[in-house]
Protein backbone atom coordinates (compact mmCIF):
# COMPACT_ATOMS: atom_id res chain seq x y z
CA MET A 1 232.59 336.17 95.19
CA PHE A 2 232.89 332.35 94.69
CA ASP A 3 230.88 330.15 97.13
CA TYR A 4 231.19 326.50 96.48
CA ALA A 5 228.07 325.56 98.26
CA LYS A 6 225.98 328.36 96.81
CA LEU A 7 227.20 327.73 93.26
CA ARG A 8 226.82 323.90 93.27
CA ASP A 9 223.48 324.44 94.50
CA SER A 10 222.48 326.22 91.47
CA LEU A 11 224.10 323.82 89.22
CA PHE A 12 221.78 321.20 90.78
CA ALA A 13 218.91 323.59 89.86
CA ILE A 14 219.81 324.23 86.61
CA LEU A 15 219.94 320.28 85.83
CA ALA A 16 216.92 320.10 87.16
CA ARG A 17 215.22 322.42 84.61
CA LEU A 18 217.63 320.63 81.78
CA GLU A 19 216.47 317.80 82.76
CA ASP A 20 212.75 319.21 81.58
CA THR A 21 214.25 320.20 78.84
CA VAL A 22 216.65 318.27 77.13
CA ARG A 23 216.26 314.74 75.28
CA GLY A 24 217.62 311.00 74.71
CA THR A 25 221.22 311.06 74.73
CA ALA A 26 221.63 315.04 76.36
CA ALA A 27 219.19 313.17 79.09
CA LYS A 28 221.56 310.69 80.01
CA SER A 29 224.20 313.33 80.19
CA ILE A 30 222.29 315.16 82.69
CA GLY A 31 222.04 312.03 84.44
CA LYS A 32 225.98 311.51 84.47
CA THR A 33 226.65 314.89 84.98
CA ARG A 34 224.17 315.07 88.31
CA THR A 35 226.35 311.78 89.54
CA LYS A 36 229.52 313.63 89.40
CA LEU A 37 228.28 316.83 90.63
CA GLU A 38 226.96 314.45 94.10
CA GLU A 39 229.98 311.66 94.09
CA GLU A 40 232.96 314.08 92.37
CA ALA A 41 235.77 311.98 93.90
CA PHE A 42 238.63 313.86 96.13
CA ASN A 43 240.84 311.72 97.80
CA LEU A 44 241.34 313.10 101.50
CA VAL A 45 243.67 310.77 102.62
CA VAL A 46 244.55 309.81 106.58
CA LEU A 47 248.28 309.26 106.88
CA GLY A 48 250.43 308.35 109.66
CA GLU A 49 252.38 305.19 111.77
CA PHE A 50 250.92 302.47 112.97
CA LYS A 51 248.91 303.18 116.18
CA ARG A 52 248.64 306.92 115.51
CA GLY A 53 244.94 306.48 116.36
CA LYS A 54 244.30 307.58 112.76
CA SER A 55 241.22 304.96 113.03
CA THR A 56 239.70 306.83 115.44
CA PHE A 57 240.32 310.13 113.95
CA ILE A 58 238.19 309.50 111.51
CA ASN A 59 235.71 307.66 113.86
CA ALA A 60 235.40 311.36 115.37
CA LEU A 61 235.33 313.35 112.45
CA LEU A 62 232.06 311.06 111.13
CA GLY A 63 231.21 311.09 114.65
CA GLU A 64 230.14 307.06 114.47
CA LYS A 65 231.95 303.89 115.64
CA ILE A 66 232.49 303.24 111.94
CA LEU A 67 236.39 301.51 111.54
CA PRO A 68 237.54 299.49 114.04
CA THR A 69 240.16 300.14 116.46
CA ALA A 70 241.52 297.12 117.83
CA ILE A 71 245.08 296.91 119.46
CA VAL A 72 246.20 294.97 116.02
CA PRO A 73 247.12 296.74 113.22
CA LEU A 74 245.38 296.75 109.92
CA THR A 75 246.09 294.57 106.82
CA SER A 76 246.94 295.75 103.39
CA VAL A 77 243.62 296.82 102.69
CA VAL A 78 242.49 300.61 102.08
CA THR A 79 239.14 301.21 103.26
CA ILE A 80 237.40 304.37 101.53
CA LEU A 81 234.68 306.23 103.38
CA ARG A 82 232.21 307.77 100.47
CA TYR A 83 228.97 309.65 100.71
CA GLY A 84 225.14 307.53 100.91
CA GLN A 85 221.98 308.31 102.01
CA LYS A 86 222.26 304.89 104.86
CA LEU A 87 225.44 302.80 106.05
CA LYS A 88 226.50 300.31 103.51
CA VAL A 89 229.88 298.35 103.83
CA ALA A 90 231.41 296.87 100.43
CA VAL A 91 234.21 294.20 100.06
CA HIS A 92 235.79 294.50 96.59
CA TYR A 93 238.19 291.90 95.86
CA LEU A 94 240.87 291.61 93.75
CA SER A 95 238.87 288.82 91.32
CA GLY A 96 236.96 291.72 90.52
CA ARG A 97 233.66 290.38 92.73
CA ILE A 98 232.14 292.78 95.22
CA GLU A 99 230.38 291.53 98.35
CA GLU A 100 228.35 293.69 100.77
CA VAL A 101 228.85 292.93 104.22
CA ASP A 102 227.55 294.05 107.77
CA LEU A 103 229.03 296.27 109.21
CA ALA A 104 230.48 294.16 112.47
CA ALA A 105 232.21 292.07 109.67
CA LEU A 106 234.17 294.67 108.51
CA PRO A 107 237.24 293.74 111.17
CA ALA A 108 237.33 290.22 109.27
CA PHE A 109 238.41 291.79 106.34
CA ILE A 110 240.75 294.75 107.09
CA THR A 111 242.64 293.47 109.98
CA GLU A 112 245.67 291.47 109.77
CA ARG A 113 244.61 289.39 112.93
CA GLU A 114 241.51 288.16 111.08
CA ASN A 115 242.76 288.73 107.28
CA PRO A 116 246.56 287.94 107.71
CA GLN A 117 248.76 289.19 105.05
CA ASN A 118 245.37 289.93 103.01
CA LYS A 119 245.03 286.40 102.31
CA LYS A 120 241.19 286.63 101.46
CA GLY A 121 242.38 288.80 98.41
CA VAL A 122 240.97 292.31 99.19
CA LYS A 123 241.24 294.96 96.89
CA GLU A 124 240.05 297.63 99.08
CA VAL A 125 236.35 298.44 101.11
CA THR A 126 234.26 301.05 100.69
CA VAL A 127 232.11 302.47 103.53
CA SER A 128 228.79 304.56 102.36
CA TYR A 129 227.84 306.67 105.31
CA PRO A 130 225.74 310.11 105.28
CA SER A 131 228.11 312.38 106.82
CA GLN A 132 229.07 316.40 106.01
CA TYR A 133 232.32 315.26 105.31
CA LEU A 134 231.91 312.94 102.68
CA ARG A 135 229.78 315.30 100.73
CA GLY A 136 230.68 316.67 97.24
CA GLY A 137 232.59 313.66 96.26
CA VAL A 138 234.91 313.88 99.31
CA ARG A 139 236.06 310.12 100.04
CA ILE A 140 238.05 310.13 103.73
CA ILE A 141 240.59 306.89 103.19
CA ASP A 142 242.39 305.15 106.00
CA THR A 143 245.82 303.65 104.89
CA PRO A 144 247.48 300.54 106.84
CA GLY A 145 249.69 302.57 109.10
CA ALA A 146 253.20 303.09 107.95
CA GLY A 147 256.01 301.58 109.81
CA SER A 148 253.99 298.34 111.66
CA VAL A 149 255.62 295.17 112.06
CA TYR A 150 254.03 293.94 108.64
CA SER A 151 256.56 295.32 105.95
CA HIS A 152 253.43 294.76 102.86
CA ASN A 153 251.26 297.35 105.47
CA THR A 154 254.15 299.93 105.32
CA GLU A 155 254.18 299.28 101.00
CA ALA A 156 250.37 299.62 101.24
CA ALA A 157 250.34 302.91 102.73
CA TYR A 158 253.34 304.18 100.30
CA ALA A 159 251.19 302.31 97.97
CA TYR A 160 248.76 305.08 97.90
CA LEU A 161 250.61 308.19 98.25
CA PRO A 162 249.87 308.52 94.16
CA TYR A 163 246.16 308.62 94.64
CA VAL A 164 246.45 312.08 97.78
CA ASP A 165 244.63 314.82 96.98
CA ALA A 166 245.13 316.20 100.43
CA GLY A 167 246.26 313.91 103.00
CA ILE A 168 245.99 314.24 107.35
CA PHE A 169 249.13 313.20 108.45
CA VAL A 170 248.20 312.05 111.89
CA VAL A 171 250.79 311.82 114.74
CA SER A 172 250.19 311.47 118.94
CA VAL A 173 251.71 313.24 121.78
CA ASP A 174 253.55 309.54 123.08
CA PRO A 175 255.60 308.36 121.34
CA PRO A 176 256.84 311.45 119.61
CA LEU A 177 257.40 311.89 115.74
CA SER A 178 259.73 309.00 115.73
CA LYS A 179 262.38 308.81 112.45
CA SER A 180 260.61 306.69 110.27
CA GLU A 181 257.55 309.04 110.34
CA HIS A 182 260.54 311.50 109.10
CA HIS A 183 261.29 309.53 106.28
CA PHE A 184 257.53 309.01 105.54
CA LEU A 185 256.95 312.55 105.68
CA LYS A 186 259.44 313.64 103.05
CA ASP A 187 258.06 310.74 100.89
CA VAL A 188 254.42 312.02 101.01
CA ARG A 189 255.76 315.07 100.00
CA ASP A 190 256.87 314.25 96.70
CA PHE A 191 252.93 313.44 96.19
CA VAL A 192 250.56 315.88 98.39
CA ASP A 193 249.75 319.26 97.38
CA LYS A 194 248.04 319.84 100.67
CA VAL A 195 248.85 318.16 104.23
CA PHE A 196 247.29 319.06 107.82
CA PHE A 197 249.15 318.39 110.80
CA VAL A 198 246.79 316.45 113.56
CA LEU A 199 248.47 315.88 117.02
CA ASN A 200 246.16 313.07 118.60
CA LYS A 201 245.88 311.61 122.01
CA ILE A 202 246.55 315.03 123.61
CA ASP A 203 244.52 314.09 127.15
CA GLN A 204 246.94 311.38 127.84
CA VAL A 205 249.28 313.74 128.96
CA ASP A 206 249.18 317.52 131.06
CA ASP A 207 249.43 320.46 129.53
CA ASN A 208 253.15 321.22 129.95
CA ASP A 209 253.80 317.74 128.10
CA ARG A 210 251.67 318.29 125.40
CA GLN A 211 253.26 321.86 124.52
CA GLU A 212 256.44 320.03 124.99
CA SER A 213 254.89 317.66 122.09
CA LEU A 214 253.43 320.47 120.09
CA GLU A 215 256.89 322.35 119.90
CA PHE A 216 259.48 318.79 119.44
CA THR A 217 256.55 317.88 116.12
CA ALA A 218 257.05 321.48 114.86
CA GLN A 219 260.22 321.69 114.63
CA VAL A 220 260.90 318.04 113.39
CA ILE A 221 258.30 318.94 110.44
CA GLU A 222 259.96 321.98 109.49
CA GLU A 223 262.80 320.73 108.53
CA GLU A 224 260.88 319.33 105.66
CA VAL A 225 258.26 322.17 104.84
CA GLY A 226 260.23 325.08 106.14
CA ALA A 227 259.69 327.15 109.22
CA GLY A 228 257.16 328.69 110.36
CA LYS A 229 254.56 326.90 107.85
CA VAL A 230 253.32 324.47 109.98
CA ARG A 231 250.48 324.49 111.73
CA ILE A 232 249.86 321.70 114.35
CA TYR A 233 246.22 320.92 115.25
CA PRO A 234 246.58 319.01 118.74
CA VAL A 235 242.85 316.84 119.45
CA SER A 236 241.90 313.85 120.94
CA ALA A 237 240.10 311.78 118.32
CA ARG A 238 238.99 309.29 121.42
CA ARG A 239 237.21 312.10 123.72
CA ALA A 240 235.86 313.95 120.30
CA LEU A 241 233.75 311.11 119.73
CA GLU A 242 233.16 309.64 122.54
CA ALA A 243 231.66 313.72 122.80
CA LYS A 244 230.01 313.55 119.74
CA LEU A 245 228.02 309.90 120.09
CA ALA A 246 227.01 311.41 124.23
CA GLY A 247 225.61 314.62 122.40
CA ASP A 248 227.99 316.59 125.17
CA ASP A 249 229.32 319.92 123.35
CA ASP A 250 231.34 320.94 126.32
CA MET A 251 233.17 317.68 126.11
CA LEU A 252 233.87 318.18 122.35
CA ALA A 253 235.42 321.67 122.49
CA ARG A 254 237.38 320.34 125.24
CA SER A 255 238.65 317.67 122.69
CA LEU A 256 239.77 320.56 120.46
CA LEU A 257 238.96 318.74 117.08
CA PRO A 258 236.14 321.39 116.08
CA GLU A 259 238.74 324.03 115.45
CA PHE A 260 240.27 321.37 113.15
CA GLU A 261 236.83 320.68 111.72
CA LYS A 262 236.36 324.57 110.80
CA LYS A 263 239.60 324.36 108.95
CA LEU A 264 239.06 321.42 107.12
CA LEU A 265 235.33 322.21 106.05
CA ASP A 266 237.04 325.68 104.86
CA PHE A 267 239.19 323.88 102.76
CA LEU A 268 237.06 321.16 101.29
CA ALA A 269 234.31 324.19 100.42
CA ARG A 270 236.99 327.09 98.59
CA GLU A 271 240.11 324.85 97.39
CA LYS A 272 238.99 321.72 96.11
CA GLY A 273 235.93 323.30 94.33
CA GLN A 274 236.81 325.23 92.03
CA VAL A 275 238.41 323.77 89.28
CA PHE A 276 235.48 320.67 89.60
CA LEU A 277 232.82 323.30 89.41
CA GLY A 278 234.23 324.83 86.26
CA SER A 279 234.30 321.25 84.45
CA VAL A 280 230.32 320.65 85.01
CA VAL A 281 229.86 324.15 83.63
CA ASN A 282 232.18 323.81 80.93
CA ASN A 283 230.29 320.28 79.95
CA LEU A 284 226.94 322.16 80.74
CA LEU A 285 227.38 324.63 78.43
CA LYS A 286 229.06 322.02 75.24
CA LEU A 287 225.81 319.92 76.05
CA ILE A 288 223.26 323.26 75.59
CA CYS A 289 224.98 323.88 72.55
CA ASP A 290 224.26 320.62 70.93
CA GLU A 291 220.43 320.60 72.18
CA THR A 292 220.44 323.92 70.75
CA ILE A 293 220.95 323.11 67.32
CA SER A 294 219.23 319.47 68.15
CA PHE A 295 215.77 321.91 68.84
CA ARG A 296 216.29 324.24 65.73
CA LEU A 297 216.77 321.42 63.42
CA GLU A 298 214.14 320.11 64.28
CA GLN A 299 211.95 323.19 63.55
CA GLU A 300 213.64 323.21 59.73
CA ALA A 301 212.98 319.70 59.25
CA ILE A 302 209.01 319.84 60.39
CA LYS A 303 209.02 322.91 57.68
CA LEU A 304 210.00 320.22 55.31
CA PRO A 305 207.63 318.21 52.87
CA PHE A 306 207.45 315.08 54.08
CA GLU A 307 209.32 313.27 50.95
CA GLU A 308 211.96 315.73 50.40
CA LEU A 309 212.86 315.21 54.22
CA LYS A 310 213.05 311.54 54.02
CA MET A 311 215.40 311.82 50.87
CA LYS A 312 217.69 314.00 52.60
CA ILE A 313 217.74 312.10 55.75
CA ALA A 314 218.74 309.02 53.51
CA ARG A 315 221.70 311.31 51.72
CA PHE A 316 223.01 312.07 55.44
CA GLU A 317 222.93 308.53 56.52
CA GLN A 318 224.80 307.56 53.34
CA GLU A 319 227.68 310.60 54.38
CA MET A 320 228.14 308.77 57.79
CA GLU A 321 229.16 305.34 56.45
CA GLU A 322 231.89 307.68 54.85
CA ILE A 323 232.61 309.66 58.26
CA ALA A 324 232.46 305.85 59.91
CA LYS A 325 235.51 304.33 57.84
CA GLU A 326 237.36 307.67 58.61
CA ARG A 327 236.60 307.70 62.68
CA GLU A 328 238.29 303.70 62.45
CA ASN A 329 241.56 304.92 59.96
CA ASN A 330 241.86 307.94 63.23
CA GLN A 331 242.35 305.42 65.89
CA PHE A 332 244.85 303.62 63.92
CA LEU A 333 246.37 307.15 64.12
CA LEU A 334 246.59 307.23 68.09
CA LYS A 335 248.08 304.03 68.27
CA GLY A 336 250.85 304.71 65.78
CA HIS A 337 251.65 308.11 68.82
CA LEU A 338 251.87 305.27 71.07
CA GLY A 339 254.56 303.43 69.22
CA LYS A 340 256.08 306.37 68.78
CA ILE A 341 255.98 307.22 72.37
CA THR A 342 256.66 303.73 73.84
CA SER A 343 259.73 303.61 71.44
CA GLY A 344 260.85 307.34 72.64
CA LEU A 345 260.82 306.05 76.47
CA ASP A 346 262.71 303.15 76.14
CA GLU A 347 265.61 305.15 74.19
CA GLU A 348 265.49 307.92 77.36
CA ILE A 349 265.60 304.88 80.09
CA ARG A 350 268.91 303.31 78.32
CA GLY A 351 270.55 306.72 77.54
CA PHE A 352 269.49 307.17 81.70
CA LYS A 353 270.99 303.87 83.07
CA LYS A 354 274.34 303.91 80.55
CA TYR A 355 274.91 307.60 82.01
CA GLN A 356 273.71 306.87 85.53
CA LEU A 357 275.12 303.49 86.60
CA PRO A 358 279.03 304.47 86.29
CA ARG A 359 278.40 308.03 88.32
CA LEU A 360 276.69 305.62 91.07
CA GLU A 361 278.98 303.58 90.89
CA GLN A 362 281.71 305.92 91.08
CA GLY A 363 279.89 307.66 94.14
CA LEU A 364 279.56 304.58 96.09
CA GLU A 365 283.34 304.03 95.65
CA GLU A 366 283.84 307.65 97.44
CA LYS A 367 281.64 306.43 100.22
CA TYR A 368 283.32 303.06 100.53
CA GLY A 369 286.70 304.91 101.13
CA GLU A 370 285.40 307.47 103.18
CA CYS A 371 283.72 304.92 105.56
CA VAL A 372 286.94 302.71 105.50
CA ARG A 373 289.54 305.67 106.21
CA ARG A 374 287.43 306.79 109.40
CA GLY A 375 286.96 302.74 110.16
CA SER A 376 283.34 302.45 109.84
CA CYS A 377 282.15 299.54 112.12
CA GLU A 378 278.85 300.23 110.07
CA LEU A 379 280.14 299.64 106.50
CA ARG A 380 277.57 297.73 105.05
CA GLU A 381 274.31 299.63 106.61
CA GLU A 382 276.20 302.90 105.68
CA LEU A 383 276.64 301.80 101.88
CA ARG A 384 273.01 300.86 102.14
CA GLN A 385 271.62 303.95 103.07
CA PHE A 386 273.94 305.37 100.70
CA VAL A 387 272.99 303.44 97.83
CA PHE A 388 268.86 304.29 98.83
CA GLU A 389 269.41 307.87 98.84
CA SER A 390 271.40 308.04 95.70
CA ILE A 391 268.70 306.37 93.80
CA ARG A 392 266.38 308.33 95.44
CA GLU A 393 267.93 311.63 94.24
CA THR A 394 268.51 310.17 91.07
CA PHE A 395 265.01 309.30 90.07
CA THR A 396 263.22 311.84 91.63
CA PRO A 397 264.25 314.80 89.46
CA TRP A 398 264.22 312.39 86.29
CA ARG A 399 260.69 310.80 86.56
CA LYS A 400 259.33 314.33 86.78
CA GLN A 401 261.48 315.33 83.72
CA ILE A 402 260.67 312.50 81.47
CA ALA A 403 256.96 312.61 82.77
CA GLU A 404 257.23 316.22 81.65
CA LYS A 405 258.20 314.48 78.09
CA LEU A 406 255.92 312.05 77.57
CA SER A 407 253.16 314.99 78.51
CA SER A 408 254.20 316.81 75.59
CA ARG A 409 255.28 313.89 72.70
CA LEU A 410 251.26 312.72 74.33
CA GLU A 411 249.71 316.46 74.11
CA ASP A 412 251.00 316.63 70.34
CA ALA A 413 249.49 313.04 69.34
CA HIS A 414 246.28 314.18 71.12
CA GLY A 415 246.44 317.86 69.58
CA GLU A 416 246.56 315.46 65.70
CA PHE A 417 243.48 313.41 66.73
CA ALA A 418 241.58 316.27 68.68
CA ARG A 419 241.83 317.81 64.87
CA LYS A 420 240.48 315.52 63.24
CA ILE A 421 238.04 314.96 65.41
CA ASN A 422 236.86 318.67 64.96
CA SER A 423 236.95 317.76 60.95
CA ILE A 424 234.64 314.91 61.22
CA ILE A 425 232.35 317.12 63.52
CA GLU A 426 232.97 320.34 61.06
CA ARG A 427 232.14 317.99 58.11
CA ILE A 428 229.03 316.27 59.76
CA LEU A 429 227.58 320.17 60.64
CA ILE A 430 228.43 321.24 56.98
CA LEU A 431 226.21 318.57 55.82
CA THR A 432 223.48 319.24 58.18
CA SER A 433 224.24 323.17 56.87
CA ASP A 434 223.21 322.09 53.38
CA ILE A 435 220.14 320.83 54.30
CA PHE A 436 219.24 322.88 56.46
CA ALA A 437 220.80 325.93 56.86
CA LEU A 438 222.05 325.55 60.46
CA THR A 439 226.05 325.70 61.82
CA LEU A 440 227.50 323.85 64.84
CA LYS A 441 230.40 325.36 66.51
CA PRO A 442 232.85 322.37 67.55
CA PHE A 443 233.93 321.50 71.00
CA THR A 444 237.43 319.78 71.87
CA SER A 445 240.25 319.73 73.92
CA VAL A 446 243.37 318.70 74.48
CA GLU A 447 244.44 316.94 77.81
CA GLY A 448 247.66 316.97 79.40
CA LEU A 449 249.34 313.76 81.44
CA GLY A 450 247.84 313.41 84.40
CA ARG A 451 249.75 313.88 87.63
CA LYS A 452 248.60 311.16 89.85
CA SER A 453 249.81 307.92 88.80
CA ASP A 454 250.14 304.23 90.28
CA PHE A 455 253.79 304.23 90.34
CA TYR A 456 255.31 304.83 93.66
CA PHE A 457 258.83 304.32 95.08
CA LEU A 458 259.79 301.94 98.21
CA LEU A 459 263.07 302.44 98.80
CA GLN A 460 263.86 301.21 101.97
CA ASP A 461 262.53 297.12 100.90
CA ASP A 462 263.18 294.49 103.44
CA PRO A 463 266.74 292.58 103.24
CA VAL A 464 265.90 289.39 101.72
CA GLY A 465 266.75 285.99 102.35
CA LEU A 466 270.02 286.33 100.07
CA GLU A 467 270.89 289.30 102.10
CA LEU A 468 271.02 287.96 105.58
CA ILE A 469 273.02 284.78 104.06
CA GLN A 470 275.78 287.21 102.84
CA LEU A 471 275.65 288.96 106.11
CA ALA A 472 276.43 285.99 108.08
CA ALA A 473 278.94 284.77 105.88
CA THR A 474 281.29 287.94 105.67
CA SER A 475 281.77 287.49 109.64
CA ALA A 476 283.97 284.27 109.37
CA ILE A 477 286.46 285.79 106.63
CA PRO A 478 289.17 288.17 107.23
CA ARG A 479 288.33 291.62 107.46
CA PHE A 480 289.55 293.72 104.80
CA LEU A 481 287.96 290.43 102.47
CA ALA A 482 284.60 291.42 104.13
CA LYS A 483 285.06 294.75 103.26
CA LYS A 484 285.52 294.19 99.52
CA MET A 485 282.50 291.87 99.69
CA ILE A 486 280.39 294.09 100.43
CA LEU A 487 281.45 296.41 98.88
CA LYS A 488 280.92 293.93 95.55
CA GLY A 489 277.63 293.29 96.75
CA MET A 490 276.26 296.88 97.34
CA LYS A 491 277.28 297.65 93.41
CA GLN A 492 275.27 294.51 92.73
CA SER A 493 272.51 296.16 94.41
CA LEU A 494 273.20 299.41 92.95
CA THR A 495 272.84 297.94 89.34
CA GLU A 496 269.70 295.62 90.91
CA LEU A 497 267.99 298.81 92.30
CA LEU A 498 268.56 301.10 88.90
CA ASP A 499 267.55 298.38 86.67
CA ARG A 500 264.38 297.62 88.98
CA HIS A 501 262.94 301.50 89.16
CA CYS A 502 263.45 302.34 85.45
CA GLY A 503 261.02 299.34 84.56
CA ARG A 504 259.02 300.40 87.17
CA VAL A 505 258.90 304.39 85.42
CA ARG A 506 258.12 302.69 82.53
CA TYR A 507 255.50 300.40 83.22
CA ASP A 508 253.53 303.83 85.16
CA LEU A 509 254.61 305.93 82.24
CA ILE A 510 253.26 303.19 79.73
CA SER A 511 250.17 302.61 81.84
CA ARG A 512 249.27 306.27 82.26
CA VAL A 513 249.97 306.92 78.63
CA ASN A 514 247.47 304.58 77.62
CA SER A 515 245.02 305.24 80.41
CA THR A 516 244.61 308.63 78.86
CA ILE A 517 244.78 308.28 75.41
CA GLY A 518 241.86 305.83 75.78
CA ASP A 519 240.28 307.95 77.80
CA PHE A 520 240.96 310.89 75.42
CA GLN A 521 239.73 309.27 72.22
CA LYS A 522 236.46 307.93 74.52
CA SER A 523 235.97 311.48 75.56
CA LEU A 524 236.08 312.95 71.50
CA ASN A 525 234.14 310.13 70.30
CA GLU A 526 231.93 311.11 72.29
CA LYS A 527 231.52 314.36 70.98
CA ILE A 528 230.74 313.18 67.60
CA ASP A 529 228.48 310.16 68.88
CA LEU A 530 226.60 313.00 70.62
CA THR A 531 226.27 315.08 67.71
CA LEU A 532 225.21 312.40 65.92
CA ALA A 533 222.33 311.42 68.06
CA GLY A 534 221.09 315.38 68.42
CA ILE A 535 220.31 315.32 64.72
CA ARG A 536 219.01 311.84 64.36
CA VAL A 537 216.18 312.69 67.54
CA SER A 538 215.22 315.69 65.27
CA PHE A 539 215.08 313.67 62.13
CA GLU A 540 213.01 311.00 63.60
CA LYS A 541 210.97 313.42 65.25
CA ALA A 542 210.14 315.47 62.52
CA LEU A 543 208.89 312.53 60.80
CA ALA A 544 206.78 311.43 63.65
CA LEU A 545 205.43 314.87 63.44
CA HIS A 546 204.68 314.66 59.66
CA ARG A 547 202.83 311.19 59.97
CA GLU A 548 200.81 312.67 63.18
CA GLY A 549 199.07 315.68 61.09
CA LYS A 550 199.45 319.30 60.83
CA ILE A 551 198.35 320.09 64.28
CA ASN A 552 200.69 318.61 65.92
CA VAL A 553 203.16 320.05 63.44
CA GLU A 554 202.39 323.47 64.71
CA LYS A 555 201.88 322.57 68.54
CA SER A 556 205.61 321.13 68.04
CA LEU A 557 206.38 324.31 66.65
CA GLY A 558 205.23 326.57 69.45
CA GLU A 559 206.62 323.90 72.19
CA LEU A 560 210.20 323.70 70.48
CA SER A 561 210.20 327.60 70.61
CA LEU A 562 209.54 327.83 74.30
CA LYS A 563 212.30 325.34 74.93
CA LEU A 564 214.98 327.46 73.26
CA ASP A 565 213.87 330.55 75.45
CA SER A 566 214.48 327.88 78.42
CA ILE A 567 217.99 327.09 77.13
CA SER A 568 218.57 330.55 76.18
CA GLU A 569 218.35 331.81 79.97
CA ILE A 570 220.18 328.54 81.07
CA HIS A 571 222.92 329.49 78.94
CA SER A 572 223.01 332.81 80.44
CA GLU A 573 223.30 331.90 84.13
CA LEU A 574 225.77 329.00 83.04
CA LEU A 575 228.10 331.84 81.75
CA HIS A 576 227.51 334.04 85.47
CA CYS A 577 228.80 330.56 87.28
CA ALA A 578 231.64 330.49 84.90
CA ALA A 579 232.49 334.14 85.42
CA LEU A 580 232.21 333.80 89.33
CA ILE A 581 234.21 330.55 88.88
CA GLN A 582 236.96 332.20 87.00
CA GLY A 583 236.99 335.61 89.09
CA ASN A 584 238.26 333.78 91.99
CA GLY A 585 241.50 333.78 90.83
CA THR A 586 243.51 330.17 90.68
CA GLY A 587 246.17 331.15 88.14
CA ARG A 588 249.50 331.51 89.16
CA ASP A 589 248.84 331.20 93.02
CA ARG A 590 247.57 327.54 91.87
CA GLU A 591 250.60 326.71 89.81
CA LYS A 592 252.89 327.99 92.51
CA SER A 593 250.39 325.49 95.00
CA LEU A 594 251.14 322.64 92.73
CA SER A 595 254.82 323.36 92.63
CA SER A 596 255.57 323.03 96.38
CA PRO A 597 253.50 321.17 98.79
CA ARG A 598 251.08 323.30 100.73
CA THR A 599 250.51 322.73 104.80
CA SER A 600 247.86 323.89 107.57
């Protein structure tokens, strides 16, 4: 049975044993793997409107007053809480500068009062803290509240949606779920697979009002996620925080937070860890494969006469010069694929705009006619809302389709590049085999386009000055002319919105493709470098031992045999870990979970 905590501890133990066995580049890789195992980034984002008690709720989870909870709203700065042995606050500026500050100074960077409209140019603030919720790479993220009086705060809340791995959507008993929260939830569902719903501030109402608020909130949320699929956790974050600070278990139980905490910890332990631990195991299996060959190669090199060994090493390095040229040519190949992907995307966007603009304009004219026939007094607002909804309905499926197309094209490019990298590794290993009669299986993989992106739709843009001028001007002219001007203005807005969002889609997808190709290229080149490093370390060790004399050679051969035995045992343990992970049944269930948001 898959037990995340137990398996993670086992991998830490394996890493400790490997640290005593491997060397050089492999030792650095072990360090990176340890860091990854300690700090795997899983974004648990707390979402909701301004003044729902999100910061107090996070403080209650942590059991400490970390985040400011003043009545003034947060600015457009995201606060990221991550695990650390001690409390530390770091301010990351847009310029790239990082400044460590005291916790007491935190409000100066993340509240609207002390940093209005983020005049200080803060990108984000990270708070390191030793909490059980932040172990295993979980990052709790406090976003500015949507729907505050400051539009830039709402934009920041929307902007972080693509980075959400799981969300906690916080509402409160008073006031009840608002229309703007309902709209925000619709946008959250486009990005987030797992959402927990928390009804905060239950200490402010009696039991009857609490139940009424629960039923109302559930009814509204179920309109989006489906009847019977919502569980709402009533809590008093304020009371829970006071209880934890005072060590009062009875008060903590009355806050109802422990019930939610149990569910959250179970989710973090079981669902998020499986894919992550599988990745760690696969990386370690690759590293063990390379180290096994390196040790065996060293054994064979030690046995060769000194002069013969030097001659074969020189031959090996000559071949590597040719391989370096081939690697450089492959970089140009991948850049060529990127150019084709970009031109293909531009063609797709032109075709999309050519087809959709007439269709959207026709729909707008039909909506206009329907509004005029029934004598609508809110013509401008109805048409404006129609334009926004039409753009949303048009872009949401197309965005997914175009991402899938680019993902397929990118995987084709990756596949060709991976095959060439494999070919290089095979050539290196064939050369090694010629010298020492050893082989190494190449290890590469084709990675698809990531699901998360920097792109988001903030469709409800605030009216700009020009829009306000049009509203004032139309009130002073004949009504039938004003209607026509409204329709003309909305058609112009429709065209502008279509162009704007096409531009956003293009920028987002090209950025993602560039990032993915860069990461993939780096990953595969690292596999070549690791293979070469293992071979060269073996050569260096063999040469050094020859210079030291026969006694040291025999001693080293014995040590190498012990290390190979140890690696063989670790290899068996990792295969057992892989079987435990794969046996937990991700398959179709996981695919299904990604196709529709899950709630608890």
